[in-house]
């Protein structure tokens, strides 16, 4: 699965997108595999409780996972997966 990453996550992941081969078919499986690949990503996206940090957003096919099954949302290889970090500024 191709995951598009944005802002400072591009620096961590070394580009605009990452190919991820998760061990499952849920959002959490993809994020866990990304953390295995890029350990610095963990502090950027997850709280200690293993939920997304405030203002971190995951979109599947243009829809925020908070409107689906959150981290348990099922994904397929053909889905568009986008990961946004918190963005500050004015």
Protein backbone atom coordinates (compact mmCIF):
# COMPACT_ATOMS: atom_id res chain seq x y z
CA UNK A 1 0.00 0.00 0.00
CA UNK A 2 1.21 3.49 -0.81
CA UNK A 3 0.87 5.99 2.04
CA UNK A 4 1.15 9.67 1.24
CA UNK A 5 2.77 11.70 4.01
CA UNK A 6 2.82 15.46 4.50
CA UNK A 7 4.81 18.26 6.15
CA UNK A 8 7.51 17.12 8.62
CA UNK A 9 6.53 13.47 8.13
CA UNK A 10 8.11 13.69 4.68
CA UNK A 11 11.47 14.39 6.31
CA UNK A 12 11.09 11.37 8.60
CA UNK A 13 9.96 9.06 5.80
CA UNK A 14 12.33 10.41 3.17
CA UNK A 15 9.74 11.47 0.61
CA UNK A 16 6.15 12.24 -0.29
CA UNK A 17 5.00 8.64 -0.15
CA UNK A 18 5.98 5.34 1.43
CA UNK A 19 5.28 1.80 0.30
CA UNK A 20 4.05 -0.20 3.27
CA UNK A 21 3.45 -3.94 3.43
CA UNK A 22 1.33 -4.29 6.57
CA UNK A 23 0.62 -7.54 8.39
CA UNK A 24 -3.09 -6.71 8.52
CA UNK A 25 -5.78 -4.69 6.78
CA UNK A 26 -6.54 -1.98 9.33
CA UNK A 27 -5.23 1.56 9.67
CA UNK A 28 -3.42 0.60 12.88
CA UNK A 29 -1.61 -2.22 11.06
CA UNK A 30 -0.31 0.20 8.45
CA UNK A 31 0.78 2.76 11.03
CA UNK A 32 2.52 0.11 13.14
CA UNK A 33 4.44 -1.10 10.09
CA UNK A 34 5.43 2.48 9.26
CA UNK A 35 6.79 2.88 12.80
CA UNK A 36 8.83 -0.29 12.33
CA UNK A 37 10.24 1.25 9.16
CA UNK A 38 10.64 4.78 10.60
CA UNK A 39 10.86 4.70 14.44
CA UNK A 40 10.92 8.51 14.73
CA UNK A 41 7.38 8.54 13.38
CA UNK A 42 5.99 7.09 16.61
CA UNK A 43 6.51 10.24 18.70
CA UNK A 44 4.99 12.35 15.95
CA UNK A 45 1.69 10.51 15.58
CA UNK A 46 0.87 8.43 18.68
CA UNK A 47 0.06 9.22 22.30
CA UNK A 48 1.23 6.93 25.11
CA UNK A 49 -2.24 5.32 25.00
CA UNK A 50 -1.64 4.34 21.35
CA UNK A 51 -4.21 6.72 19.94
CA UNK A 52 -3.50 9.41 17.40
CA UNK A 53 -2.20 12.65 18.82
CA UNK A 54 -4.56 15.61 18.62
CA UNK A 55 -4.73 17.07 15.13
CA UNK A 56 -2.99 14.08 13.50
CA UNK A 57 -5.29 13.02 10.68
CA UNK A 58 -5.56 9.86 8.62
CA UNK A 59 -7.68 9.96 5.49
CA UNK A 60 -8.77 6.91 3.52
CA UNK A 61 -10.08 7.80 0.07
CA UNK A 62 -10.50 11.42 1.21
CA UNK A 63 -12.48 10.58 4.36
CA UNK A 64 -11.17 11.09 7.87
CA UNK A 65 -11.04 7.83 9.85
CA UNK A 66 -12.71 9.53 12.81
CA UNK A 67 -15.91 9.21 10.76
CA UNK A 68 -15.34 5.47 10.24
CA UNK A 69 -13.89 2.92 12.68
CA UNK A 70 -10.91 5.10 13.68
CA UNK A 71 -7.72 2.98 13.90
CA UNK A 72 -9.73 -0.19 13.23
CA UNK A 73 -10.87 1.11 9.83
CA UNK A 74 -10.30 -1.52 7.17
CA UNK A 75 -8.23 -0.60 4.13
CA UNK A 76 -7.44 -2.31 0.86
CA UNK A 77 -4.40 -2.13 -1.39
CA UNK A 78 -6.24 0.17 -3.81
CA UNK A 79 -7.34 2.70 -1.16
CA UNK A 80 -5.74 6.12 -1.02
CA UNK A 81 -4.11 6.50 2.41
CA UNK A 82 -2.95 9.94 3.58
CA UNK A 83 -1.25 10.78 6.89
CA UNK A 84 -1.16 14.39 8.10
CA UNK A 85 0.77 15.61 11.15
CA UNK A 86 -0.41 18.49 13.30
CA UNK A 87 0.24 21.74 11.45
CA UNK A 88 0.89 25.03 13.20
CA UNK A 89 1.16 28.48 11.83
CA UNK A 90 -0.91 31.42 10.90
